[in-house]
Amino acid sequence: MSVSVHSKFTKDPDDSSRDAEDALDSEREEQHIAVGALPTPPVDRIGHLHRGLSARQVQMIAIAGTIGTGLFLGTGKSLAQGGPASMLICYAIVGFIVYVTLLLLGEMATQYPVAGSFTAYSTRFFSPSYGFALSWNYWFNDAVSVASDLTAAQLVLQFWNVNNSWIVSLVFWVFLVGVNATQVKAYGELEYWLSSLKVATIVVFIILGIVVNAGGNTSHEYIGGKYWHIPGAPFVGGFGGFARVFVTASFAYGGTESLGVTAGETKNPSRNMPRVVKFVFWRILLFYILSILLIGLNVPWDYPGLSNKSTTTSPFTIVFKEAGSTVAASFMNTVILTSVLSAGNHALFAGTRIMYGLSASAQAPRFLSRTTRQGVPLFALLVTSSISILCFGSSFVGSGQLWSWLQNIVGVSNQIAWLSIGLASWRFRTAWKRQGRPLEEMKYRASWTWPWGPYFVVVTVSVLILVQGWSSIFPEFTAVDFVSFYIELPIMLAMSLAWLLFKGRRVPQLNESTVALTGEQSDSKGRIGRFFDIVDTETVNLRIDEYKEDPKDLADESIRAKRLSGSAGWLWRIYYLIA
């Protein structure tokens, strides 16, 4: 398979306006970079990203990014460390926080559907230096997530006593890179069907879990709430165990925020993004809470091999096993293996797009933003996938232990992403009001979260970040666990300061148009402050990058309206609700 990579040295004979567009891009980019802001990576042009994801695929991408190893395997760790009550309470709390966060992100992603999503919003509305650190942090989060998912695959394979399971991880890695190297539609379609399988399996699990609890198990006895009253339950490990579950819950819910990353490649984003935001998370929250409740009822927290340094067993597989069918348990384990593949596919896609945004914003080497003719940033894909080599370190420390550390790192990184969405939303809303723009001009507004939404997210997520590492300090300090919980905080701070030190430089002149474009202010010497670059909400331009519907969008909406108003409209409503 030959791959053609766009370069500024290669002309496309079929596009006569290419040179003029590239020149305009370069001029706008230089103007942005001169004042420390970020340009918006373009889409839907040869040599750039393509809007090839449908609403059907975007909804399933959001589900696939959340219902994965965190739910199928992470719940085993949560149950073993915190008990059934801690797990249910923590997942419910984090679920509500993430839902509000998703609404805040939906407002910005609908108004400005750009590649980079919330990392670009943090730069534009909050602080360029913070946005720089956040972008690299989230890219690392996605890259490590791929390694975490490939490590999880090795844990899943232990159910069948597979030797040299790292070979399967290698095969998965090659497959994921191959799919992501073709075109965005291939990625979207793979995610759609893998996610559909996971959703169907969870529905079956919920039904089976109720049956098992009611007496349809190998012991033929009613379980009820028996496992909530065994020694150590329902709160295992006291406050330390309770706090520790927050990070595994954050790992499990992580990925929901990346639906904003898909905004730059979504068809008709001003209509489709609100639909995704309104419906997707309710489905996810429903699946999570019911599944976790049934896991806590049907699986004891001290089940042998549930979670330790060498192995982690999925509670889903245990419940299927309790139903008395080894075949059903193997099927469940196979589904979990496909979910690992789906989660890795999702993380690799998101990490690649973040790297593309970094490169297009002059925060990473320029060659990383070059794309194939199919709109795939191939070099960014290869760099992101290279981090996955971490998964092969399992042979030194054990798959269970390595996965636990990677899970902590990714969980905290997810929380930093949610915190950043809250900060960006706070500044975006402030700018909208200060500049006198009517709320009716917003393409989507989560009215019930005004004005408390951003403050709620910032405060609650900050508390989660600080308290979840309690068990690594008390009653005994564990250095490795402590580092996995908190290492990203000083790294974020160091990268922000580095950006201020090296990018805070003299600007020749800041005319009115440049100030309006970026929202930056200079001092009397014409220099951006080196230690203070909070964006001015009164001058940041709210008009740039607002999405304007094109004829294709109107045609799609017309087709949808005709379907819903026709004789089979009720069938189409069911289809749109499910698909």
Protein backbone atom coordinates (compact mmCIF):
# COMPACT_ATOMS: atom_id res chain seq x y z
CA MET A 1 0.00 0.00 0.00
CA SER A 2 1.51 3.26 -1.07
CA VAL A 3 0.99 6.31 1.07
CA SER A 4 1.23 9.83 -0.27
CA VAL A 5 2.21 12.39 2.36
CA HIS A 6 1.53 16.05 1.80
CA SER A 7 4.50 18.34 1.82
CA LYS A 8 4.78 22.03 1.04
CA PHE A 9 7.33 21.04 -1.60
CA THR A 10 4.80 18.87 -3.49
CA LYS A 11 2.15 20.50 -5.65
CA ASP A 12 -1.21 18.94 -6.38
CA PRO A 13 -2.10 19.48 -10.04
CA ASP A 14 -5.80 18.94 -9.33
CA ASP A 15 -6.10 21.83 -6.90
CA SER A 16 -5.39 25.20 -8.50
CA SER A 17 -6.11 27.17 -5.33
CA ARG A 18 -3.74 25.15 -3.14
CA ASP A 19 -0.80 27.55 -3.20
CA ALA A 20 -2.98 30.53 -2.36
CA GLU A 21 -4.63 28.67 0.54
CA ASP A 22 -1.28 27.52 1.92
CA ALA A 23 0.07 31.06 1.71
CA LEU A 24 -2.97 32.34 3.58
CA ASP A 25 -2.55 29.61 6.23
CA SER A 26 1.11 30.55 6.69
CA GLU A 27 0.28 34.23 7.05
CA ARG A 28 -2.42 33.58 9.63
CA GLU A 29 -0.21 31.10 11.50
CA GLU A 30 2.67 33.56 11.75
CA GLN A 31 0.31 36.18 13.10
CA HIS A 32 -0.93 33.78 15.76
CA ILE A 33 2.49 32.49 16.77
CA ALA A 34 3.87 36.03 17.02
CA VAL A 35 1.75 36.64 20.08
CA GLY A 36 1.89 33.18 21.62
CA ALA A 37 -1.56 31.97 20.55
CA LEU A 38 -2.55 28.93 18.52
CA PRO A 39 -3.82 28.69 14.95
CA THR A 40 -6.69 26.35 14.19
CA PRO A 41 -5.63 23.27 12.20
CA PRO A 42 -7.66 23.26 8.97
CA VAL A 43 -9.93 20.43 7.81
CA ASP A 44 -11.64 19.20 4.66
CA ARG A 45 -8.77 20.00 2.29
CA ILE A 46 -6.19 17.88 0.54
CA GLY A 47 -3.26 17.49 2.88
CA HIS A 48 -5.39 18.20 5.96
CA LEU A 49 -7.95 16.42 8.15
CA HIS A 50 -11.28 15.38 6.60
CA ARG A 51 -14.79 15.59 8.07
CA GLY A 52 -15.56 11.93 7.53
CA LEU A 53 -17.30 10.91 10.79
CA SER A 54 -21.10 10.66 10.86
CA ALA A 55 -23.28 11.34 13.92
CA ARG A 56 -23.83 7.58 14.22
CA GLN A 57 -20.09 6.97 14.41
CA VAL A 58 -19.36 9.91 16.73
CA GLN A 59 -21.92 8.71 19.27
CA MET A 60 -20.42 5.23 19.29
CA ILE A 61 -16.90 6.66 19.46
CA ALA A 62 -17.85 8.46 22.67
CA ILE A 63 -19.32 5.26 24.09
CA ALA A 64 -16.33 3.17 22.94
CA GLY A 65 -13.91 5.56 24.58
CA THR A 66 -15.58 5.12 27.95
CA ILE A 67 -16.96 1.59 28.05
CA GLY A 68 -13.71 -0.29 27.88
CA THR A 69 -11.02 -1.70 30.12
CA GLY A 70 -11.95 0.73 32.89
CA LEU A 71 -15.39 -0.85 33.21
CA PHE A 72 -14.57 -4.45 32.34
CA LEU A 73 -11.29 -4.74 34.29
CA GLY A 74 -11.00 -1.58 36.42
CA THR A 75 -14.11 -2.46 38.40
CA GLY A 76 -12.29 -5.56 39.67
CA LYS A 77 -9.53 -3.37 41.11
CA SER A 78 -12.08 -0.92 42.54
CA LEU A 79 -14.03 -3.70 44.24
CA ALA A 80 -10.90 -5.28 45.72
CA GLN A 81 -9.50 -1.98 47.04
CA GLY A 82 -12.63 -0.12 48.14
CA GLY A 83 -15.47 -2.60 48.47
CA PRO A 84 -18.96 -2.52 46.90
CA ALA A 85 -20.24 0.62 48.64
CA SER A 86 -17.15 2.72 47.90
CA MET A 87 -17.25 1.60 44.28
CA LEU A 88 -20.91 2.48 43.77
CA ILE A 89 -20.66 5.88 45.49
CA CYS A 90 -17.42 6.91 43.79
CA TYR A 91 -18.55 5.92 40.30
CA ALA A 92 -21.84 7.80 40.79
CA ILE A 93 -20.04 10.96 41.97
CA VAL A 94 -17.48 10.91 39.17
CA GLY A 95 -20.22 10.12 36.66
CA PHE A 96 -22.18 13.26 37.58
CA ILE A 97 -19.05 15.41 37.49
CA VAL A 98 -18.15 14.11 34.04
CA TYR A 99 -21.71 14.66 32.80
CA VAL A 100 -21.60 18.34 33.75
CA THR A 101 -18.12 18.57 32.21
CA LEU A 102 -19.45 17.06 29.00
CA LEU A 103 -22.19 19.71 28.80
CA LEU A 104 -19.61 22.49 29.19
CA LEU A 105 -17.45 20.96 26.48
CA GLY A 106 -20.49 20.58 24.22
CA GLU A 107 -21.12 24.32 24.31
CA MET A 108 -17.62 25.14 23.10
CA ALA A 109 -17.30 22.22 20.67
CA THR A 110 -20.57 23.15 18.97
CA GLN A 111 -19.59 26.80 18.65
CA TYR A 112 -15.96 26.11 17.63
CA PRO A 113 -15.59 22.56 16.21
CA VAL A 114 -11.81 22.59 15.78
CA ALA A 115 -9.15 19.90 15.87
CA GLY A 116 -7.60 19.77 19.33
CA SER A 117 -10.88 20.46 21.11
CA PHE A 118 -10.56 21.36 24.80
CA THR A 119 -6.79 21.75 24.60
CA ALA A 120 -7.33 24.44 21.96
CA TYR A 121 -10.07 26.03 24.10
CA SER A 122 -7.77 26.16 27.14
CA THR A 123 -5.18 27.97 25.04
CA ARG A 124 -7.64 30.35 23.46
CA PHE A 125 -9.74 31.29 26.47
CA PHE A 126 -7.54 30.61 29.51
CA SER A 127 -3.76 30.61 28.99
CA PRO A 128 -1.43 29.71 26.08
CA SER A 129 1.22 28.34 28.44
CA TYR A 130 -1.31 26.18 30.26
CA GLY A 131 -2.76 25.06 26.92
CA PHE A 132 0.71 24.02 25.79
CA ALA A 133 1.28 21.90 28.90
CA LEU A 134 -2.24 20.47 28.71
CA SER A 135 -1.88 19.47 25.05
CA TRP A 136 1.32 17.55 25.68
CA ASN A 137 -0.11 16.04 28.85
CA TYR A 138 -3.23 14.82 27.07
CA TRP A 139 -1.23 13.48 24.17
CA PHE A 140 0.86 11.51 26.66
CA ASN A 141 -2.36 10.37 28.34
CA ASP A 142 -3.66 8.90 25.08
CA ALA A 143 -0.31 7.36 24.17
CA VAL A 144 -0.04 5.71 27.60
CA SER A 145 -3.67 4.59 27.30
CA VAL A 146 -2.72 2.55 24.24
CA ALA A 147 0.04 0.89 26.29
CA SER A 148 -2.42 0.36 29.16
CA ASP A 149 -4.95 -1.29 26.85
CA LEU A 150 -2.34 -3.58 25.31
CA THR A 151 -1.23 -4.55 28.83
CA ALA A 152 -4.88 -5.20 29.72
CA ALA A 153 -5.05 -7.57 26.76
CA GLN A 154 -2.35 -9.67 28.42
CA LEU A 155 -4.43 -9.79 31.63
CA VAL A 156 -7.53 -10.88 29.73
CA LEU A 157 -5.61 -13.67 28.00
CA GLN A 158 -4.64 -15.14 31.38
CA PHE A 159 -8.18 -16.52 31.59
CA TRP A 160 -7.14 -19.04 28.94
CA ASN A 161 -3.60 -19.50 30.33
CA VAL A 162 -2.00 -18.15 27.16
CA ASN A 163 1.81 -18.19 27.21
CA ASN A 164 3.84 -15.29 25.78
CA SER A 165 0.77 -13.06 25.69
CA TRP A 166 2.98 -10.14 24.66
CA ILE A 167 2.92 -11.57 21.12
CA VAL A 168 -0.85 -10.94 20.99
CA SER A 169 -0.23 -7.38 22.17
CA LEU A 170 2.20 -6.95 19.28
CA VAL A 171 -0.38 -8.25 16.78
CA PHE A 172 -2.99 -5.86 18.23
CA TRP A 173 -0.53 -2.98 17.93
CA VAL A 174 0.13 -3.69 14.25
CA PHE A 175 -3.61 -3.98 13.57
CA LEU A 176 -4.47 -0.69 15.31
CA VAL A 177 -1.75 1.24 13.51
CA GLY A 178 -2.90 -0.25 10.19
CA VAL A 179 -6.54 0.77 10.71
CA ASN A 180 -5.66 4.30 11.79
CA ALA A 181 -3.28 4.69 8.83
CA THR A 182 -6.03 4.24 6.21
CA GLN A 183 -8.71 6.91 6.66
CA VAL A 184 -10.91 8.33 9.38
CA LYS A 185 -13.99 6.48 8.07
CA ALA A 186 -12.26 3.13 8.66
CA TYR A 187 -11.53 4.11 12.25
CA GLY A 188 -15.09 5.30 12.77
CA GLU A 189 -16.68 2.17 11.32
CA LEU A 190 -14.48 -0.16 13.38
CA GLU A 191 -15.38 1.75 16.53
CA TYR A 192 -19.07 1.68 15.68
CA TRP A 193 -19.29 -2.12 15.44
CA LEU A 194 -16.95 -2.90 18.34
CA SER A 195 -18.87 -0.48 20.53
CA SER A 196 -22.21 -1.96 19.42
CA LEU A 197 -20.94 -5.37 20.56
CA LYS A 198 -19.94 -3.96 23.96
CA VAL A 199 -23.29 -2.25 24.49
CA ALA A 200 -25.20 -5.42 23.58
CA THR A 201 -23.00 -7.46 25.94
CA ILE A 202 -23.59 -5.06 28.85
CA VAL A 203 -27.36 -5.33 28.32
CA VAL A 204 -27.04 -9.13 28.46
CA PHE A 205 -24.83 -8.83 31.57
CA ILE A 206 -27.40 -6.67 33.37
CA ILE A 207 -30.13 -9.22 32.68
CA LEU A 208 -27.88 -12.14 33.65
CA GLY A 209 -26.64 -10.34 36.77
CA ILE A 210 -30.20 -9.98 38.04
CA VAL A 211 -30.85 -13.68 37.35
CA VAL A 212 -27.63 -14.75 39.12
CA ASN A 213 -28.45 -12.62 42.16
CA ALA A 214 -31.96 -14.02 42.34
CA GLY A 215 -30.70 -17.61 42.49
CA GLY A 216 -29.80 -18.60 38.95
CA ASN A 217 -26.23 -19.48 39.90
CA THR A 218 -24.09 -22.57 40.46
CA SER A 219 -25.07 -22.70 44.15
CA HIS A 220 -28.81 -22.27 43.39
CA GLU A 221 -29.17 -19.80 46.23
CA TYR A 222 -30.47 -16.26 46.56
CA ILE A 223 -27.49 -13.89 46.98
CA GLY A 224 -29.19 -10.54 47.56
CA GLY A 225 -26.93 -8.21 49.52
CA LYS A 226 -24.91 -10.96 51.23
CA TYR A 227 -21.55 -9.77 49.90
CA TRP A 228 -22.13 -6.31 51.38
CA HIS A 229 -22.01 -7.85 54.87
CA ILE A 230 -18.96 -10.12 54.70
CA PRO A 231 -15.88 -9.12 56.81
CA GLY A 232 -14.29 -5.94 55.45
CA ALA A 233 -17.31 -4.88 53.38
CA PRO A 234 -18.97 -2.68 52.33
CA PHE A 235 -16.15 -0.10 52.75
CA VAL A 236 -12.85 -1.93 52.30
CA GLY A 237 -9.75 -0.08 53.51
CA GLY A 238 -11.66 2.77 55.17
CA PHE A 239 -11.22 6.29 53.80
CA GLY A 240 -8.00 5.33 52.01
CA GLY A 241 -9.78 2.60 50.05
CA PHE A 242 -12.69 4.95 49.32
CA ALA A 243 -10.37 7.69 48.03
CA ARG A 244 -8.37 5.26 45.93
CA VAL A 245 -11.46 4.21 43.97
CA PHE A 246 -11.77 7.74 42.59
CA VAL A 247 -8.74 7.31 40.36
CA THR A 248 -9.98 3.99 38.94
CA ALA A 249 -13.40 5.59 38.37
CA SER A 250 -11.69 8.48 36.58
CA PHE A 251 -9.79 5.98 34.45
CA ALA A 252 -13.06 4.24 33.62
CA TYR A 253 -14.94 7.39 32.64
CA GLY A 254 -11.95 8.81 30.80
CA GLY A 255 -12.44 9.18 27.09
CA THR A 256 -15.81 10.91 27.21
CA GLU A 257 -14.10 14.28 26.85
CA SER A 258 -12.41 13.15 23.66
CA LEU A 259 -15.68 13.38 21.74
CA GLY A 260 -14.65 17.03 21.45
CA VAL A 261 -11.51 15.87 19.66
CA THR A 262 -13.73 14.34 16.97
CA ALA A 263 -15.49 17.70 16.44
CA GLY A 264 -12.86 18.71 13.90
CA GLU A 265 -13.78 15.72 11.72
CA THR A 266 -17.53 15.50 12.34
CA LYS A 267 -20.11 16.22 9.66
CA ASN A 268 -22.48 19.10 10.45
CA PRO A 269 -21.03 19.61 13.95
CA SER A 270 -23.41 22.43 14.91
CA ARG A 271 -26.30 19.95 14.79
CA ASN A 272 -24.62 16.63 15.53
CA MET A 273 -22.47 17.63 18.52
CA PRO A 274 -25.47 18.75 20.66
CA ARG A 275 -27.24 15.47 19.86
CA VAL A 276 -24.18 13.52 20.92
CA VAL A 277 -23.79 15.51 24.16
CA LYS A 278 -27.46 15.20 25.11
CA PHE A 279 -27.85 11.46 24.65
CA VAL A 280 -24.54 9.65 24.88
CA PHE A 281 -23.64 10.19 28.48
CA TRP A 282 -27.05 9.22 29.82
CA ARG A 283 -26.58 5.85 28.14
CA ILE A 284 -23.09 5.50 29.58
CA LEU A 285 -24.18 6.51 33.08
CA LEU A 286 -27.06 4.03 32.91
CA PHE A 287 -24.74 1.20 31.88
CA TYR A 288 -22.14 2.06 34.52
CA ILE A 289 -24.36 2.44 37.56
CA LEU A 290 -26.45 -0.67 36.88
CA SER A 291 -23.38 -2.77 36.03
CA ILE A 292 -21.46 -1.64 39.11
CA LEU A 293 -24.43 -2.26 41.40
CA LEU A 294 -24.76 -5.82 40.08
CA ILE A 295 -21.01 -6.44 40.33
CA GLY A 296 -21.02 -5.39 43.99
CA LEU A 297 -23.99 -7.66 44.69
CA ASN A 298 -22.71 -10.76 42.85
CA VAL A 299 -18.92 -10.70 43.40
CA PRO A 300 -17.27 -10.65 46.86
CA TRP A 301 -14.48 -8.09 47.27
CA ASP A 302 -12.08 -10.86 48.40
CA TYR A 303 -12.68 -13.13 45.38
CA PRO A 304 -9.40 -15.00 44.65
CA GLY A 305 -7.35 -13.35 41.90
CA LEU A 306 -9.73 -10.40 41.56
CA SER A 307 -6.84 -7.91 41.63
CA ASN A 308 -3.18 -8.36 42.57
CA LYS A 309 0.30 -7.69 41.21
CA SER A 310 0.29 -10.53 38.73
CA THR A 311 -3.30 -10.67 37.54
CA THR A 312 -6.68 -8.94 37.40
CA THR A 313 -9.89 -10.86 36.72
CA SER A 314 -12.90 -9.18 35.18
CA PRO A 315 -16.01 -9.21 37.43
CA PHE A 316 -18.06 -9.58 34.24
CA THR A 317 -16.37 -12.89 33.49
CA ILE A 318 -16.88 -14.01 37.11
CA VAL A 319 -20.64 -13.32 36.93
CA PHE A 320 -20.96 -15.26 33.68
CA LYS A 321 -19.01 -18.07 35.34
CA GLU A 322 -21.35 -18.00 38.34
CA ALA A 323 -24.24 -18.52 35.93
CA GLY A 324 -22.81 -22.00 35.40
CA SER A 325 -21.57 -21.72 31.83
CA THR A 326 -17.89 -21.96 30.99
CA VAL A 327 -18.73 -21.22 27.36
CA ALA A 328 -20.57 -18.03 28.37
CA ALA A 329 -17.59 -16.98 30.51
CA SER A 330 -15.24 -17.52 27.57
CA PHE A 331 -17.56 -15.50 25.34
CA MET A 332 -17.57 -12.68 27.89
CA ASN A 333 -13.79 -12.75 28.03
CA THR A 334 -13.69 -12.56 24.23
CA VAL A 335 -15.92 -9.49 24.28
CA ILE A 336 -13.63 -7.92 26.88
CA LEU A 337 -10.70 -8.60 24.56
CA THR A 338 -12.51 -6.80 21.71
CA SER A 339 -13.25 -3.90 24.08
CA VAL A 340 -9.54 -3.66 24.83
CA LEU A 341 -8.94 -3.42 21.10
CA SER A 342 -11.64 -0.77 20.78
CA ALA A 343 -10.29 1.31 23.67
CA GLY A 344 -6.78 1.16 22.22
CA ASN A 345 -8.10 2.17 18.81
CA HIS A 346 -9.90 5.14 20.33
CA ALA A 347 -6.88 6.28 22.36
CA LEU A 348 -4.57 5.99 19.36
CA PHE A 349 -6.93 8.10 17.23
CA ALA A 350 -7.31 10.82 19.87
CA GLY A 351 -3.58 10.93 20.64
CA THR A 352 -2.74 11.23 16.95
CA ARG A 353 -5.14 14.17 16.52
CA ILE A 354 -3.73 15.92 19.58
CA MET A 355 -0.21 15.53 18.16
CA TYR A 356 -1.44 16.87 14.81
CA GLY A 357 -2.88 19.91 16.60
CA LEU A 358 0.39 20.46 18.46
CA SER A 359 2.36 20.37 15.23
CA ALA A 360 -0.05 22.62 13.35
CA SER A 361 0.21 25.03 16.28
CA ALA A 362 4.03 25.11 16.15
CA GLN A 363 4.29 23.33 19.52
CA ALA A 364 5.76 20.19 17.96
CA PRO A 365 7.93 19.56 14.86
CA ARG A 366 6.19 20.69 11.68
CA PHE A 367 6.50 17.37 9.84
CA LEU A 368 4.05 15.80 12.35
CA SER A 369 1.16 17.77 10.83
CA ARG A 370 1.70 16.39 7.34
CA THR A 371 -1.11 14.12 6.24
CA THR A 372 -1.81 11.54 3.58
CA ARG A 373 -4.27 12.22 0.77
CA GLN A 374 -6.88 10.47 2.91
CA GLY A 375 -6.42 13.06 5.65
CA VAL A 376 -4.42 10.86 8.05
CA PRO A 377 -1.54 12.49 9.98
CA LEU A 378 0.73 9.49 9.46
CA PHE A 379 3.87 10.76 11.22
CA ALA A 380 1.83 11.84 14.28
CA LEU A 381 0.29 8.37 14.30
CA LEU A 382 3.68 6.63 14.30
CA VAL A 383 5.07 8.83 17.10
CA THR A 384 1.98 8.31 19.25
CA SER A 385 1.95 4.54 18.74
CA SER A 386 5.65 4.27 19.61
CA ILE A 387 4.86 4.98 23.30
CA SER A 388 2.98 1.68 23.39
CA ILE A 389 6.28 -0.12 23.91
CA LEU A 390 5.67 0.51 27.61
CA CYS A 391 3.25 -2.42 27.62
CA PHE A 392 6.09 -4.86 27.13
CA GLY A 393 7.54 -3.89 30.51
CA SER A 394 5.01 -6.26 32.06
CA SER A 395 7.54 -9.07 31.92
CA PHE A 396 9.62 -7.23 34.56
CA VAL A 397 7.01 -6.09 37.10
CA GLY A 398 3.96 -8.25 36.29
CA SER A 399 1.01 -7.39 34.09
CA GLY A 400 -1.28 -6.59 37.02
CA GLN A 401 1.19 -4.21 38.68
CA LEU A 402 2.13 -2.42 35.45
CA TRP A 403 -1.51 -2.00 34.48
CA SER A 404 -2.27 -0.56 37.92
CA TRP A 405 0.46 2.09 37.56
CA LEU A 406 -0.58 2.98 34.02
CA GLN A 407 -4.19 3.18 35.18
CA ASN A 408 -3.25 5.67 37.90
CA ILE A 409 -1.36 7.88 35.45
CA VAL A 410 -4.17 7.88 32.90
CA GLY A 411 -6.83 8.45 35.57
CA VAL A 412 -5.13 11.56 36.92
CA SER A 413 -4.54 12.81 33.38
CA ASN A 414 -8.27 12.44 32.69
CA GLN A 415 -9.01 14.53 35.76
CA ILE A 416 -6.63 17.25 34.59
CA ALA A 417 -8.49 17.27 31.26
CA TRP A 418 -11.84 17.73 33.04
CA LEU A 419 -10.38 20.49 35.21
CA SER A 420 -9.13 22.22 32.07
CA ILE A 421 -12.55 22.03 30.43
CA GLY A 422 -14.00 23.73 33.50
CA LEU A 423 -11.38 26.50 33.36
CA ALA A 424 -11.85 27.04 29.61
CA SER A 425 -15.65 27.10 29.96
CA TRP A 426 -15.44 29.62 32.80
CA ARG A 427 -13.34 31.99 30.66
CA PHE A 428 -15.42 31.36 27.52
CA ARG A 429 -18.67 32.18 29.29
CA THR A 430 -17.10 35.22 30.94
CA ALA A 431 -15.90 36.50 27.55
CA TRP A 432 -19.32 35.92 25.99
CA LYS A 433 -21.06 37.98 28.67
CA ARG A 434 -18.44 40.74 28.93
CA GLN A 435 -18.47 41.33 25.21
CA GLY A 436 -22.23 41.65 25.22
CA ARG A 437 -23.06 38.78 22.89
CA PRO A 438 -26.63 37.51 23.46
CA LEU A 439 -26.96 33.95 24.72
CA GLU A 440 -29.36 33.22 21.86
CA GLU A 441 -26.40 33.36 19.44
CA MET A 442 -24.89 30.27 21.03
CA LYS A 443 -25.49 27.23 18.84
CA TYR A 444 -25.94 25.08 21.95
CA ARG A 445 -26.33 26.10 25.59
CA ALA A 446 -26.73 23.88 28.65
CA SER A 447 -28.93 26.44 30.40
CA TRP A 448 -29.35 24.57 33.69
CA THR A 449 -25.58 24.66 34.32
CA TRP A 450 -25.46 28.48 34.21
CA PRO A 451 -23.67 29.98 36.07
CA TRP A 452 -22.44 27.30 38.49
CA GLY A 453 -21.24 24.59 36.04
CA PRO A 454 -17.60 25.63 35.49
CA TYR A 455 -17.01 26.42 39.17
CA PHE A 456 -18.50 23.07 40.23
CA VAL A 457 -16.22 21.16 37.85
CA VAL A 458 -13.07 23.06 38.85
CA VAL A 459 -13.64 22.65 42.60
CA THR A 460 -14.77 19.02 42.64
CA VAL A 461 -12.10 17.76 40.25
CA SER A 462 -9.39 19.62 42.20
CA VAL A 463 -10.55 17.86 45.38
CA LEU A 464 -10.47 14.48 43.61
CA ILE A 465 -6.92 15.04 42.38
CA LEU A 466 -5.69 15.92 45.87
CA VAL A 467 -7.41 13.23 47.98
CA GLN A 468 -7.25 10.13 45.77
CA GLY A 469 -3.58 9.44 46.63
CA TRP A 470 -4.38 9.21 50.34
CA SER A 471 -3.70 5.47 50.44
CA SER A 472 -0.19 5.98 49.03
CA ILE A 473 0.68 8.18 52.05
CA PHE A 474 -1.33 6.66 54.94
CA PRO A 475 -0.88 4.43 56.84
CA GLU A 476 2.41 3.77 55.04
CA PHE A 477 4.13 5.85 52.38
CA THR A 478 4.51 3.98 49.07
CA ALA A 479 6.84 5.91 46.77
CA VAL A 480 5.92 4.22 43.47
CA ASP A 481 2.17 4.58 44.04
CA PHE A 482 2.62 8.20 45.16
CA VAL A 483 4.54 9.01 41.98
CA SER A 484 1.91 7.37 39.77
CA PHE A 485 -0.79 9.49 41.46
CA TYR A 486 0.94 12.88 41.41
CA ILE A 487 3.80 12.89 38.89
CA GLU A 488 1.76 14.77 36.27
CA LEU A 489 1.17 17.81 38.48
CA PRO A 490 4.83 19.02 38.68
CA ILE A 491 5.29 18.08 35.01
CA MET A 492 2.35 20.30 34.04
CA LEU A 493 3.77 23.15 36.11
CA ALA A 494 7.26 22.76 34.63
CA MET A 495 5.98 22.72 31.05
CA SER A 496 3.83 25.81 31.63
CA LEU A 497 6.81 27.70 33.05
CA ALA A 498 9.01 26.51 30.18
CA TRP A 499 6.53 27.88 27.64
CA LEU A 500 6.46 31.23 29.42
CA LEU A 501 10.24 31.44 29.60
CA PHE A 502 11.00 30.43 26.03
CA LYS A 503 7.97 31.77 24.18
CA GLY A 504 7.46 35.01 26.09
CA ARG A 505 9.29 37.20 23.63
CA ARG A 506 9.22 40.59 22.03
CA VAL A 507 6.56 41.33 19.47
CA PRO A 508 7.45 44.01 16.89
CA GLN A 509 4.02 45.65 16.94
CA LEU A 510 0.59 44.67 18.10
CA ASN A 511 -2.01 46.38 15.96
CA GLU A 512 -5.73 46.35 16.73
CA SER A 513 -6.52 43.44 14.42
CA THR A 514 -3.84 41.25 15.99
CA VAL A 515 -5.05 42.01 19.53
CA ALA A 516 -8.63 41.25 18.50
CA LEU A 517 -7.57 38.03 16.82
CA THR A 518 -5.75 36.53 19.76
CA GLY A 519 -6.87 38.34 22.87
CA GLU A 520 -3.24 39.03 23.88
CA GLN A 521 -2.12 42.23 25.52
CA SER A 522 1.37 43.71 25.55
CA ASP A 523 3.09 45.92 28.04
CA SER A 524 4.49 49.36 27.25
CA LYS A 525 7.61 47.76 25.75
CA GLY A 526 5.58 45.66 23.31
CA ARG A 527 6.33 42.36 25.01
CA ILE A 528 4.10 39.58 26.26
CA GLY A 529 4.48 39.02 29.98
CA ARG A 530 6.77 36.09 30.68
CA PHE A 531 5.08 35.01 33.90
CA PHE A 532 1.48 35.96 33.26
CA ASP A 533 -0.38 35.10 30.07
CA ILE A 534 -4.02 34.75 31.17
CA VAL A 535 -6.16 35.63 28.16
CA ASP A 536 -8.12 38.88 28.37
CA THR A 537 -11.81 37.96 28.10
CA GLU A 538 -12.76 41.47 26.96
CA THR A 539 -10.62 41.35 23.81
CA VAL A 540 -10.45 37.68 22.78
CA ASN A 541 -12.18 37.32 19.42
CA LEU A 542 -15.31 35.18 19.73
CA ARG A 543 -16.12 35.26 16.01
CA ILE A 544 -13.12 33.41 14.64
CA ASP A 545 -13.57 29.68 13.96
CA GLU A 546 -17.33 29.72 14.54
CA TYR A 547 -18.80 26.99 12.38
CA LYS A 548 -21.06 28.00 9.51
CA GLU A 549 -23.30 25.38 7.94
CA ASP A 550 -22.65 24.53 4.31
CA PRO A 551 -25.12 23.16 1.70
CA LYS A 552 -24.22 19.56 2.57
CA ASP A 553 -25.25 20.16 6.18
CA LEU A 554 -28.60 21.59 5.09
CA ALA A 555 -29.16 18.61 2.77
CA ASP A 556 -28.47 16.15 5.60
CA GLU A 557 -30.91 17.95 7.88
CA SER A 558 -33.53 17.99 5.12
CA ILE A 559 -33.21 14.21 4.68
CA ARG A 560 -33.50 13.67 8.43
CA ALA A 561 -36.59 15.90 8.66
CA LYS A 562 -38.30 14.05 5.80
CA ARG A 563 -37.61 10.71 7.45
CA LEU A 564 -39.03 11.83 10.78
CA SER A 565 -42.15 13.40 9.24
CA GLY A 566 -42.91 10.46 6.92
CA SER A 567 -45.22 7.51 7.48
CA ALA A 568 -42.37 5.53 9.03
CA GLY A 569 -41.26 8.42 11.20
CA TRP A 570 -41.62 6.46 14.44
CA LEU A 571 -39.25 3.82 13.11
CA TRP A 572 -36.69 6.47 12.21
CA ARG A 573 -37.01 7.97 15.72
CA ILE A 574 -36.18 4.58 17.23
CA TYR A 575 -33.28 4.21 14.79
CA TYR A 576 -31.79 7.62 15.67
CA LEU A 577 -32.27 6.93 19.37
CA ILE A 578 -30.42 3.60 19.20
CA ALA A 579 -27.90 4.17 16.40
